[in-house]
N, C-alpha and C. Protein backbone atom coordinates (compact mmCIF):
# COMPACT_ATOMS: atom_id res chain seq x y z
N MET A 1 -1.21 9.86 11.29
CA MET A 1 -1.66 8.62 11.88
C MET A 1 -2.75 8.03 10.99
N ASN A 2 -2.70 6.74 10.78
CA ASN A 2 -3.68 6.04 9.97
C ASN A 2 -4.50 5.13 10.86
N ARG A 3 -5.75 4.97 10.55
CA ARG A 3 -6.59 4.08 11.34
C ARG A 3 -7.65 3.45 10.45
N LEU A 4 -8.24 2.38 10.93
CA LEU A 4 -9.31 1.72 10.21
C LEU A 4 -10.64 2.11 10.82
N GLU A 5 -11.61 2.34 9.98
CA GLU A 5 -12.98 2.59 10.42
C GLU A 5 -13.87 1.75 9.53
N GLY A 6 -14.27 0.58 10.05
CA GLY A 6 -15.09 -0.32 9.25
C GLY A 6 -14.33 -0.79 8.03
N LYS A 7 -14.88 -0.55 6.86
CA LYS A 7 -14.23 -1.00 5.63
C LYS A 7 -13.38 0.08 4.99
N HIS A 8 -13.12 1.18 5.71
CA HIS A 8 -12.34 2.29 5.18
C HIS A 8 -11.01 2.42 5.91
N VAL A 9 -10.01 2.88 5.19
CA VAL A 9 -8.76 3.28 5.81
C VAL A 9 -8.79 4.80 5.83
N VAL A 10 -8.44 5.37 6.96
CA VAL A 10 -8.44 6.82 7.11
C VAL A 10 -6.99 7.26 7.26
N VAL A 11 -6.52 8.08 6.33
CA VAL A 11 -5.14 8.56 6.34
C VAL A 11 -5.17 10.02 6.73
N THR A 12 -4.41 10.37 7.76
CA THR A 12 -4.36 11.76 8.19
C THR A 12 -2.94 12.28 8.01
N GLY A 13 -2.84 13.52 7.71
CA GLY A 13 -1.55 14.18 7.50
C GLY A 13 -1.85 15.65 7.38
N ALA A 14 -1.63 16.23 6.21
CA ALA A 14 -1.99 17.62 5.98
C ALA A 14 -3.51 17.79 6.05
N GLY A 15 -4.23 16.72 5.78
CA GLY A 15 -5.69 16.70 5.86
C GLY A 15 -6.09 15.28 6.17
N THR A 16 -7.36 15.00 6.07
CA THR A 16 -7.84 13.64 6.30
C THR A 16 -8.45 13.11 5.02
N THR A 17 -8.06 11.90 4.66
CA THR A 17 -8.59 11.24 3.47
C THR A 17 -9.11 9.88 3.88
N GLU A 18 -10.31 9.54 3.43
CA GLU A 18 -10.92 8.26 3.75
C GLU A 18 -11.27 7.54 2.47
N ARG A 19 -10.82 6.29 2.36
CA ARG A 19 -11.11 5.49 1.17
C ARG A 19 -11.44 4.06 1.57
N ALA A 20 -12.35 3.43 0.84
CA ALA A 20 -12.64 2.02 1.04
C ALA A 20 -11.48 1.21 0.46
N PHE A 21 -10.99 0.24 1.23
CA PHE A 21 -9.88 -0.58 0.73
C PHE A 21 -10.30 -2.02 0.50
N ARG A 22 -11.51 -2.37 0.84
CA ARG A 22 -12.00 -3.74 0.66
C ARG A 22 -12.99 -3.80 -0.49
N GLY A 23 -12.88 -4.86 -1.27
CA GLY A 23 -13.88 -5.12 -2.30
C GLY A 23 -15.01 -5.94 -1.70
N LYS A 24 -16.05 -6.20 -2.47
CA LYS A 24 -17.19 -6.96 -1.98
C LYS A 24 -16.81 -8.35 -1.51
N MET A 25 -15.79 -8.94 -2.15
CA MET A 25 -15.38 -10.30 -1.80
C MET A 25 -14.24 -10.32 -0.77
N GLU A 26 -13.91 -9.18 -0.21
CA GLU A 26 -12.76 -9.10 0.71
C GLU A 26 -13.16 -8.53 2.08
N GLN A 27 -14.25 -8.95 2.62
CA GLN A 27 -14.73 -8.37 3.87
C GLN A 27 -13.87 -8.71 5.08
N ASP A 28 -13.05 -9.75 5.00
CA ASP A 28 -12.18 -10.12 6.10
C ASP A 28 -10.79 -9.49 6.00
N CYS A 29 -10.57 -8.66 4.99
CA CYS A 29 -9.26 -8.05 4.76
C CYS A 29 -9.06 -6.84 5.67
N TRP A 30 -7.80 -6.48 5.88
CA TRP A 30 -7.47 -5.29 6.67
C TRP A 30 -6.24 -4.62 6.09
N ALA A 31 -6.10 -3.34 6.37
CA ALA A 31 -4.95 -2.58 5.87
C ALA A 31 -3.86 -2.57 6.93
N ARG A 32 -2.70 -3.11 6.57
CA ARG A 32 -1.57 -3.14 7.50
C ARG A 32 -0.95 -1.75 7.62
N ASP A 33 -0.91 -1.01 6.51
CA ASP A 33 -0.33 0.32 6.49
C ASP A 33 -0.91 1.07 5.31
N ALA A 34 -0.94 2.39 5.39
CA ALA A 34 -1.49 3.20 4.29
C ALA A 34 -0.90 4.61 4.36
N VAL A 35 -0.74 5.22 3.16
CA VAL A 35 -0.26 6.60 3.07
C VAL A 35 -1.00 7.31 1.94
N LEU A 36 -1.01 8.61 2.01
CA LEU A 36 -1.61 9.45 0.97
C LEU A 36 -0.47 10.02 0.12
N VAL A 37 -0.54 9.81 -1.20
CA VAL A 37 0.44 10.36 -2.15
C VAL A 37 -0.35 11.12 -3.20
N GLY A 38 -0.27 12.43 -3.18
CA GLY A 38 -1.10 13.24 -4.07
C GLY A 38 -2.55 13.02 -3.70
N ASP A 39 -3.37 12.59 -4.66
CA ASP A 39 -4.78 12.31 -4.40
C ASP A 39 -5.05 10.83 -4.17
N ASP A 40 -4.02 9.99 -4.28
CA ASP A 40 -4.20 8.55 -4.17
C ASP A 40 -3.76 8.04 -2.80
N VAL A 41 -4.45 7.00 -2.33
CA VAL A 41 -4.06 6.30 -1.12
C VAL A 41 -3.38 5.00 -1.55
N TYR A 42 -2.24 4.71 -0.97
CA TYR A 42 -1.54 3.44 -1.18
C TYR A 42 -1.64 2.66 0.12
N ALA A 43 -2.10 1.42 0.04
CA ALA A 43 -2.29 0.61 1.24
C ALA A 43 -1.71 -0.79 1.04
N VAL A 44 -1.17 -1.34 2.12
CA VAL A 44 -0.75 -2.74 2.14
C VAL A 44 -1.94 -3.50 2.72
N VAL A 45 -2.59 -4.30 1.88
CA VAL A 45 -3.82 -4.99 2.27
C VAL A 45 -3.52 -6.47 2.50
N VAL A 46 -4.01 -6.97 3.63
CA VAL A 46 -3.82 -8.36 4.02
C VAL A 46 -5.18 -9.03 4.07
N CYS A 47 -5.29 -10.20 3.42
CA CYS A 47 -6.53 -10.97 3.41
C CYS A 47 -6.23 -12.39 3.88
N PRO A 48 -7.06 -12.94 4.76
CA PRO A 48 -6.80 -14.31 5.22
C PRO A 48 -6.90 -15.35 4.12
N THR A 49 -7.59 -15.03 3.03
CA THR A 49 -7.74 -15.98 1.93
C THR A 49 -6.61 -15.88 0.91
N SER A 50 -5.69 -14.94 1.09
CA SER A 50 -4.59 -14.74 0.15
C SER A 50 -3.28 -15.17 0.82
N PRO A 51 -2.36 -15.77 0.07
CA PRO A 51 -1.11 -16.23 0.68
C PRO A 51 -0.18 -15.09 1.11
N SER A 52 -0.36 -13.89 0.55
CA SER A 52 0.52 -12.78 0.94
C SER A 52 -0.22 -11.45 0.83
N ALA A 53 0.36 -10.44 1.47
CA ALA A 53 -0.20 -9.09 1.41
C ALA A 53 -0.01 -8.53 0.01
N LYS A 54 -0.82 -7.52 -0.33
CA LYS A 54 -0.67 -6.88 -1.64
C LYS A 54 -0.68 -5.37 -1.47
N LEU A 55 0.00 -4.70 -2.38
CA LEU A 55 0.03 -3.25 -2.41
C LEU A 55 -1.08 -2.78 -3.34
N VAL A 56 -1.91 -1.87 -2.84
CA VAL A 56 -3.08 -1.41 -3.59
C VAL A 56 -3.09 0.11 -3.66
N ARG A 57 -3.36 0.66 -4.84
CA ARG A 57 -3.57 2.10 -5.00
C ARG A 57 -5.06 2.35 -5.12
N ILE A 58 -5.58 3.32 -4.36
CA ILE A 58 -7.00 3.66 -4.38
C ILE A 58 -7.11 5.12 -4.79
N ASP A 59 -7.72 5.37 -5.95
CA ASP A 59 -7.83 6.75 -6.45
C ASP A 59 -9.03 7.45 -5.81
N PRO A 60 -9.20 8.75 -6.05
CA PRO A 60 -10.29 9.49 -5.43
C PRO A 60 -11.69 8.95 -5.76
N ALA A 61 -11.84 8.29 -6.91
CA ALA A 61 -13.13 7.71 -7.28
C ALA A 61 -13.37 6.37 -6.58
N GLY A 62 -12.36 5.87 -5.85
CA GLY A 62 -12.49 4.59 -5.16
C GLY A 62 -12.04 3.40 -5.98
N THR A 63 -11.49 3.65 -7.17
CA THR A 63 -11.00 2.56 -8.01
C THR A 63 -9.72 2.01 -7.41
N ARG A 64 -9.68 0.70 -7.24
CA ARG A 64 -8.53 0.02 -6.63
C ARG A 64 -7.69 -0.65 -7.71
N THR A 65 -6.38 -0.47 -7.61
CA THR A 65 -5.45 -1.10 -8.54
C THR A 65 -4.37 -1.81 -7.74
N ALA A 66 -4.23 -3.12 -7.94
CA ALA A 66 -3.15 -3.87 -7.29
C ALA A 66 -1.85 -3.54 -8.01
N LEU A 67 -0.79 -3.30 -7.26
CA LEU A 67 0.50 -2.92 -7.83
C LEU A 67 1.53 -4.00 -7.54
N ALA A 68 2.36 -4.29 -8.51
CA ALA A 68 3.44 -5.25 -8.33
C ALA A 68 4.73 -4.51 -7.99
N LEU A 69 5.57 -5.15 -7.21
CA LEU A 69 6.88 -4.60 -6.92
C LEU A 69 7.82 -5.06 -8.03
N ALA A 70 8.33 -4.11 -8.82
CA ALA A 70 9.19 -4.45 -9.97
C ALA A 70 10.44 -5.18 -9.50
N ALA A 71 10.79 -6.21 -10.21
CA ALA A 71 12.00 -7.02 -9.97
C ALA A 71 11.96 -7.77 -8.65
N ALA A 72 10.79 -7.91 -8.05
CA ALA A 72 10.70 -8.64 -6.79
C ALA A 72 10.61 -10.14 -7.06
N PRO A 73 11.33 -10.94 -6.28
CA PRO A 73 11.23 -12.38 -6.46
C PRO A 73 9.88 -12.90 -5.96
N ALA A 74 9.53 -14.09 -6.38
CA ALA A 74 8.29 -14.71 -5.93
C ALA A 74 8.30 -14.80 -4.40
N GLY A 75 7.15 -14.53 -3.81
CA GLY A 75 7.03 -14.62 -2.35
C GLY A 75 7.42 -13.35 -1.62
N CYS A 76 7.85 -12.32 -2.35
CA CYS A 76 8.21 -11.04 -1.72
C CYS A 76 6.92 -10.32 -1.35
N GLU A 77 6.77 -9.98 -0.08
CA GLU A 77 5.53 -9.42 0.41
C GLU A 77 5.71 -8.00 0.94
N PRO A 78 4.88 -7.04 0.50
CA PRO A 78 4.98 -5.68 1.04
C PRO A 78 4.62 -5.66 2.52
N ARG A 79 5.35 -4.85 3.29
CA ARG A 79 5.09 -4.73 4.73
C ARG A 79 4.60 -3.34 5.12
N THR A 80 5.34 -2.31 4.72
CA THR A 80 4.98 -0.94 5.08
C THR A 80 5.21 -0.02 3.90
N VAL A 81 4.56 1.16 3.92
CA VAL A 81 4.74 2.17 2.89
C VAL A 81 5.10 3.49 3.56
N GLU A 82 5.93 4.28 2.87
CA GLU A 82 6.37 5.57 3.42
C GLU A 82 6.50 6.57 2.29
N VAL A 83 6.07 7.80 2.53
CA VAL A 83 6.19 8.87 1.55
C VAL A 83 7.39 9.72 1.95
N ARG A 84 8.28 9.97 0.99
CA ARG A 84 9.46 10.80 1.27
C ARG A 84 9.48 12.05 0.43
N GLY A 85 8.45 12.28 -0.36
CA GLY A 85 8.35 13.45 -1.21
C GLY A 85 7.00 13.43 -1.90
N PRO A 86 6.66 14.46 -2.65
CA PRO A 86 5.34 14.54 -3.28
C PRO A 86 4.97 13.32 -4.13
N SER A 87 5.92 12.72 -4.81
CA SER A 87 5.61 11.53 -5.61
C SER A 87 6.69 10.47 -5.40
N ASP A 88 7.15 10.37 -4.17
CA ASP A 88 8.25 9.47 -3.84
C ASP A 88 7.77 8.47 -2.78
N LEU A 89 7.29 7.31 -3.25
CA LEU A 89 6.74 6.28 -2.38
C LEU A 89 7.74 5.14 -2.22
N TRP A 90 8.03 4.80 -0.98
CA TRP A 90 8.95 3.70 -0.66
C TRP A 90 8.14 2.58 -0.02
N VAL A 91 8.43 1.35 -0.45
CA VAL A 91 7.73 0.18 0.08
C VAL A 91 8.76 -0.76 0.69
N SER A 92 8.61 -1.01 1.97
CA SER A 92 9.47 -1.98 2.64
C SER A 92 8.80 -3.34 2.48
N ALA A 93 9.55 -4.31 2.00
CA ALA A 93 9.01 -5.64 1.75
C ALA A 93 9.92 -6.69 2.39
N THR A 94 9.46 -7.92 2.38
CA THR A 94 10.25 -9.00 2.98
C THR A 94 11.56 -9.25 2.25
N CYS A 95 11.68 -8.77 1.00
CA CYS A 95 12.88 -9.03 0.21
C CYS A 95 13.71 -7.78 -0.07
N GLY A 96 13.34 -6.64 0.49
CA GLY A 96 14.09 -5.41 0.26
C GLY A 96 13.19 -4.19 0.32
N VAL A 97 13.74 -3.05 -0.05
CA VAL A 97 13.00 -1.79 -0.06
C VAL A 97 12.89 -1.33 -1.50
N PHE A 98 11.68 -0.99 -1.92
CA PHE A 98 11.41 -0.59 -3.30
C PHE A 98 10.98 0.87 -3.33
N ARG A 99 11.41 1.56 -4.36
CA ARG A 99 11.02 2.96 -4.57
C ARG A 99 10.14 2.98 -5.81
N LEU A 100 8.84 3.14 -5.61
CA LEU A 100 7.91 3.08 -6.73
C LEU A 100 8.01 4.31 -7.61
N GLY A 101 7.93 4.10 -8.91
CA GLY A 101 7.98 5.19 -9.86
C GLY A 101 9.39 5.60 -10.24
N HIS A 102 10.39 4.92 -9.71
CA HIS A 102 11.78 5.23 -10.03
C HIS A 102 12.45 3.93 -10.47
N SER A 103 13.21 4.00 -11.54
CA SER A 103 13.86 2.79 -12.03
C SER A 103 15.18 2.59 -11.30
N GLN A 104 15.14 1.76 -10.30
CA GLN A 104 16.33 1.38 -9.57
C GLN A 104 16.07 0.01 -8.95
N PRO A 105 17.11 -0.76 -8.76
CA PRO A 105 16.90 -2.08 -8.14
C PRO A 105 16.49 -1.91 -6.67
N PRO A 106 15.83 -2.93 -6.11
CA PRO A 106 15.45 -2.82 -4.70
C PRO A 106 16.68 -2.71 -3.81
N LEU A 107 16.55 -1.96 -2.74
CA LEU A 107 17.63 -1.83 -1.76
C LEU A 107 17.53 -3.00 -0.80
N ARG A 108 18.63 -3.58 -0.48
CA ARG A 108 18.64 -4.73 0.44
C ARG A 108 19.51 -4.39 1.66
N ALA A 109 19.01 -4.74 2.82
CA ALA A 109 19.78 -4.53 4.04
C ALA A 109 20.89 -5.58 4.10
N PRO A 110 22.07 -5.21 4.60
CA PRO A 110 23.18 -6.19 4.69
C PRO A 110 22.87 -7.27 5.70
């Protein structure tokens, strides 16, 4: 179960991991979904000042990296994230399902 505590997202599973997901200029942002993959937290972050949600990786040092969905058309927005293996992250987006770290086209529902 994942929950928000102030400016941190708390991911629980085999253990509990807490990471800040907001930058200094993003105090109105919130995490729609988050998962722990290895030592990194992946979160779908939504900000009222941004036209769409973004996928962010947060490492143990708290460094945030925005990630793009490969081969995604303009306007494709991440919705949820799911871990299916130790390094197997799936991202459900408005335009399909993406498997990060694996070279394959996005899966699309019929």
